[in-house]
Amino acid sequence: MSHAVSQLRAARLARAIRPFQARGGSRQPRCAGCRLLTSHCLCALRPTAPSEVGVCLLMADTEALKPSNTGWLIADLVVDTFAFGWARTSVEPGLLALLADPQWQPFVVFPGEYTAPERVVTAVAPVPGRRPLFILLDGTWSEARKMFGKSPYLAHLPVLSLQPDRASAYKLRRSRRNDHFCTSEVAAMCLALAGEEHAAQALDAWLDVFSYHYLQAKNQQKIDWDSPAHQRLRALEPSTV
């Protein structure tokens, strides 16, 4: 399956000076569809969750190369996912065209404390004839702050400040702050705000299954195909009976 993030990853690899090796990563063969070790591939489990929203990922330089990146999971589920590499001194024309497309109502998803109060919104109000487009800054916290502050083409857009009622459950990378969420978790919260509850639950479940397979592979352990994560994902799939 080729989607926006996989295409961005391929383009980034094509211009790499030397092969990318994730920190502590295995050199065993990985599946091109899910980036996991082929022994722990989960492509056959990918859920379907139609939605009317769009997601635009602005990705730090090497983010699309990391096997633990969760923006990839968003693109697995949300058909209208767009991905662009971020640079301080330039902007891709395709990104500017997307932001100007009248079918979309863009929101920059970022904590409201970092911008002027008049830009901040906490709800996704429907706009006739326009679909929500959630712009997610995909990188480390310091990279995301840099992207937010040094992207003038985003400065006129409303800033969606999320109000989570839970802590992050993400286990694949460490954060110094408990209120930081991975990109996939943020996207799921945005989907829920837009009224796409089933897609939000499917994305959260997909993250759970991906995290389980990733950690089992890292620890060289077999997959329990009836684990709680797998059961949750199956429960969200439409009945075939």
Protein backbone atom coordinates (compact mmCIF):
# COMPACT_ATOMS: atom_id res chain seq x y z
CA MET A 1 0.00 0.00 0.00
CA SER A 2 1.48 3.35 -1.04
CA HIS A 3 0.14 6.38 0.78
CA ALA A 4 1.37 9.90 1.46
CA VAL A 5 3.74 8.99 4.28
CA SER A 6 5.23 5.99 2.47
CA GLN A 7 5.79 8.19 -0.58
CA LEU A 8 7.48 10.86 1.53
CA ARG A 9 9.64 8.18 3.14
CA ALA A 10 10.69 6.87 -0.29
CA ALA A 11 11.59 10.37 -1.45
CA ARG A 12 13.62 11.03 1.71
CA LEU A 13 15.47 7.72 1.33
CA ALA A 14 16.26 8.54 -2.30
CA ARG A 15 18.22 11.62 -1.31
CA ALA A 16 19.90 10.10 1.75
CA ILE A 17 23.69 10.13 1.68
CA ARG A 18 23.94 6.90 3.66
CA PRO A 19 21.42 4.22 4.71
CA PHE A 20 19.16 5.23 7.59
CA GLN A 21 19.48 3.06 10.70
CA ALA A 22 16.96 3.65 13.47
CA ARG A 23 18.44 3.97 16.95
CA GLY A 24 18.66 0.48 18.39
CA GLY A 25 16.91 -0.88 15.31
CA SER A 26 17.27 -4.38 13.96
CA ARG A 27 18.98 -5.02 10.62
CA GLN A 28 16.57 -7.85 9.84
CA PRO A 29 14.26 -7.44 6.80
CA ARG A 30 11.26 -5.17 7.34
CA CYS A 31 7.87 -5.20 5.64
CA ALA A 32 7.46 -2.29 3.23
CA GLY A 33 3.78 -2.00 4.17
CA CYS A 34 4.03 -1.64 7.95
CA ARG A 35 7.80 -1.16 8.57
CA LEU A 36 7.85 -3.99 11.11
CA LEU A 37 10.08 -7.05 10.93
CA THR A 38 8.55 -9.39 8.38
CA SER A 39 8.09 -11.98 11.14
CA HIS A 40 5.75 -9.56 12.93
CA CYS A 41 3.96 -7.97 9.95
CA LEU A 42 0.46 -6.68 10.67
CA CYS A 43 -0.62 -5.58 7.18
CA ALA A 44 -3.39 -8.18 7.04
CA LEU A 45 -5.02 -6.56 10.08
CA ARG A 46 -5.28 -3.02 8.69
CA PRO A 47 -8.79 -1.75 9.52
CA THR A 48 -11.10 0.30 7.36
CA ALA A 49 -12.63 3.47 8.78
CA PRO A 50 -14.11 5.88 6.22
CA SER A 51 -14.18 9.51 7.30
CA GLU A 52 -14.82 12.93 5.80
CA VAL A 53 -11.87 14.73 7.38
CA GLY A 54 -8.38 15.31 6.06
CA VAL A 55 -5.04 15.19 7.83
CA CYS A 56 -1.95 17.13 6.73
CA LEU A 57 1.31 15.96 8.28
CA LEU A 58 4.24 18.37 8.38
CA MET A 59 7.12 16.06 9.14
CA ALA A 60 10.56 16.81 10.53
CA ASP A 61 13.45 15.76 8.33
CA THR A 62 13.97 12.14 9.41
CA GLU A 63 10.55 11.48 10.98
CA ALA A 64 9.16 9.54 8.01
CA LEU A 65 12.18 7.22 8.18
CA LYS A 66 11.61 6.09 11.76
CA PRO A 67 9.93 2.67 12.15
CA SER A 68 8.15 3.97 15.27
CA ASN A 69 6.57 6.94 13.48
CA THR A 70 2.80 6.95 13.98
CA GLY A 71 1.91 9.41 11.24
CA TRP A 72 2.14 6.34 9.01
CA LEU A 73 -0.75 4.78 10.94
CA ILE A 74 -2.93 7.83 10.25
CA ALA A 75 -2.29 7.48 6.53
CA ASP A 76 -3.23 3.79 6.79
CA LEU A 77 -6.75 4.74 7.86
CA VAL A 78 -7.52 8.29 6.76
CA VAL A 79 -7.73 8.29 2.96
CA ASP A 80 -7.24 12.04 2.68
CA THR A 81 -3.88 12.16 4.43
CA PHE A 82 -1.22 14.46 3.01
CA ALA A 83 2.42 14.48 4.06
CA PHE A 84 5.11 17.08 3.48
CA GLY A 85 8.65 17.43 4.71
CA TRP A 86 9.29 20.60 6.69
CA ALA A 87 12.18 23.00 6.09
CA ARG A 88 12.76 26.39 7.67
CA THR A 89 13.82 28.15 4.48
CA SER A 90 11.39 26.70 1.96
CA VAL A 91 7.88 25.34 1.57
CA GLU A 92 6.55 22.81 -0.90
CA PRO A 93 4.13 24.30 -3.47
CA GLY A 94 1.80 21.34 -2.93
CA LEU A 95 1.37 22.31 0.71
CA LEU A 96 0.47 25.89 -0.16
CA ALA A 97 -2.01 24.66 -2.75
CA LEU A 98 -3.61 22.35 -0.19
CA LEU A 99 -3.99 25.14 2.36
CA ALA A 100 -5.63 27.35 -0.28
CA ASP A 101 -8.03 24.65 -1.55
CA PRO A 102 -11.58 25.88 -0.78
CA GLN A 103 -12.88 22.40 -0.01
CA TRP A 104 -10.83 22.37 3.22
CA GLN A 105 -11.07 24.22 6.52
CA PRO A 106 -7.53 23.97 7.94
CA PHE A 107 -6.73 23.86 11.66
CA VAL A 108 -3.20 23.85 13.04
CA VAL A 109 -3.28 21.43 15.97
CA PHE A 110 -1.06 22.82 18.73
CA PRO A 111 -1.35 23.89 22.38
CA GLY A 112 -3.08 27.26 22.57
CA GLU A 113 -0.62 28.63 25.14
CA TYR A 114 1.94 29.15 22.37
CA THR A 115 -0.08 31.56 20.26
CA ALA A 116 -2.34 34.60 20.48
CA PRO A 117 -5.67 33.89 22.21
CA GLU A 118 -7.69 35.14 19.22
CA ARG A 119 -6.33 32.29 17.07
CA VAL A 120 -7.28 29.53 19.51
CA VAL A 121 -10.30 27.28 19.08
CA THR A 122 -11.24 24.22 21.12
CA ALA A 123 -14.01 22.82 18.93
CA VAL A 124 -14.45 21.99 15.26
CA ALA A 125 -17.38 24.09 14.08
CA PRO A 126 -18.79 22.81 10.75
CA VAL A 127 -18.41 25.19 7.81
CA PRO A 128 -20.85 24.56 4.92
CA GLY A 129 -19.07 23.20 1.87
CA ARG A 130 -15.77 22.74 3.68
CA ARG A 131 -14.22 19.72 5.36
CA PRO A 132 -11.90 19.87 8.39
CA LEU A 133 -8.20 19.56 7.58
CA PHE A 134 -6.09 18.92 10.65
CA ILE A 135 -2.47 20.05 10.30
CA LEU A 136 -0.25 17.97 12.60
CA LEU A 137 3.39 18.84 13.28
CA ASP A 138 5.10 15.46 13.33
CA GLY A 139 8.42 15.35 15.13
CA THR A 140 9.94 15.69 18.58
CA TRP A 141 8.50 18.37 20.84
CA SER A 142 11.39 20.74 20.09
CA GLU A 143 10.99 20.13 16.35
CA ALA A 144 7.24 20.72 16.53
CA ARG A 145 7.72 24.01 18.36
CA LYS A 146 10.21 25.12 15.72
CA MET A 147 7.79 24.19 12.93
CA PHE A 148 4.98 26.09 14.63
CA GLY A 149 7.01 29.23 15.18
CA LYS A 150 8.88 29.33 11.87
CA SER A 151 6.13 28.52 9.33
CA PRO A 152 4.63 31.88 8.31
CA TYR A 153 2.18 30.19 5.93
CA LEU A 154 0.43 28.75 9.00
CA ALA A 155 0.26 32.02 10.92
CA HIS A 156 -3.20 33.03 9.62
CA LEU A 157 -4.88 29.72 10.43
CA PRO A 158 -6.92 28.88 13.54
CA VAL A 159 -5.08 26.86 16.17
CA LEU A 160 -7.00 23.88 17.52
CA SER A 161 -5.98 23.41 21.13
CA LEU A 162 -6.98 19.96 22.36
CA GLN A 163 -8.24 19.34 25.88
CA PRO A 164 -7.39 15.66 26.52
CA ASP A 165 -9.04 13.90 29.42
CA ARG A 166 -6.46 11.13 29.64
CA ALA A 167 -2.71 10.56 29.63
CA SER A 168 -0.86 9.26 26.62
CA ALA A 169 -0.70 5.47 26.27
CA TYR A 170 2.12 5.58 23.70
CA LYS A 171 4.99 3.27 24.66
CA LEU A 172 7.46 3.37 21.78
CA ARG A 173 9.26 6.63 22.60
CA ARG A 174 9.88 8.46 25.85
CA SER A 175 8.71 11.97 26.60
CA ARG A 176 9.69 14.20 29.49
CA ARG A 177 6.10 15.36 29.83
CA ASN A 178 3.05 13.22 30.58
CA ASP A 179 0.78 15.56 28.61
CA HIS A 180 2.56 14.91 25.32
CA PHE A 181 0.78 12.60 22.88
CA CYS A 182 2.07 10.79 19.83
CA THR A 183 0.88 11.99 16.43
CA SER A 184 -1.60 9.14 15.99
CA GLU A 185 -3.22 9.84 19.37
CA VAL A 186 -3.58 13.52 18.45
CA ALA A 187 -5.21 12.59 15.14
CA ALA A 188 -7.68 10.30 16.91
CA MET A 189 -8.71 13.15 19.23
CA CYS A 190 -9.20 15.41 16.20
CA LEU A 191 -11.36 12.79 14.50
CA ALA A 192 -13.53 12.53 17.60
CA LEU A 193 -13.95 16.31 17.75
CA ALA A 194 -15.10 16.25 14.12
CA GLY A 195 -17.78 13.67 14.93
CA GLU A 196 -15.86 10.75 13.40
CA GLU A 197 -16.02 8.59 16.53
CA HIS A 198 -15.67 5.21 14.82
CA ALA A 199 -12.61 6.35 12.88
CA ALA A 200 -11.14 7.76 16.10
CA GLN A 201 -11.60 4.46 17.93
CA ALA A 202 -10.22 2.50 14.97
CA LEU A 203 -7.10 4.66 14.86
CA ASP A 204 -6.51 4.25 18.59
CA ALA A 205 -6.97 0.49 18.27
CA TRP A 206 -4.64 0.39 15.25
CA LEU A 207 -1.98 2.19 17.31
CA ASP A 208 -2.41 -0.37 20.09
CA VAL A 209 -1.92 -3.29 17.72
CA PHE A 210 1.04 -1.64 15.99
CA SER A 211 2.69 -0.91 19.35
CA TYR A 212 2.14 -4.50 20.49
CA HIS A 213 3.69 -5.96 17.31
CA TYR A 214 6.56 -3.47 17.43
CA LEU A 215 7.47 -4.32 21.03
CA GLN A 216 7.08 -8.07 20.49
CA ALA A 217 9.47 -7.82 17.56
CA LYS A 218 11.91 -5.68 19.54
CA ASN A 219 11.89 -8.20 22.41
CA GLN A 220 12.04 -11.18 20.02
CA GLN A 221 8.74 -12.56 21.27
CA LYS A 222 5.95 -14.25 19.34
CA ILE A 223 2.62 -12.63 18.56
CA ASP A 224 -0.47 -13.59 20.55
CA TRP A 225 -3.13 -13.08 17.89
CA ASP A 226 -5.81 -13.05 20.58
CA SER A 227 -4.22 -10.34 22.72
CA PRO A 228 -6.43 -7.58 24.16
CA ALA A 229 -5.18 -5.20 21.45
CA HIS A 230 -6.19 -7.62 18.69
CA GLN A 231 -9.57 -8.25 20.29
CA ARG A 232 -10.28 -4.52 20.50
CA LEU A 233 -9.40 -4.00 16.85
CA ARG A 234 -11.56 -6.94 15.70
CA ALA A 235 -14.52 -5.64 17.70
CA LEU A 236 -14.47 -2.43 15.63
CA GLU A 237 -14.55 -4.15 12.26
CA PRO A 238 -17.92 -4.36 10.48
CA SER A 239 -19.67 -7.72 10.88
CA THR A 240 -19.48 -10.01 7.86
CA VAL A 241 -22.43 -12.13 9.00
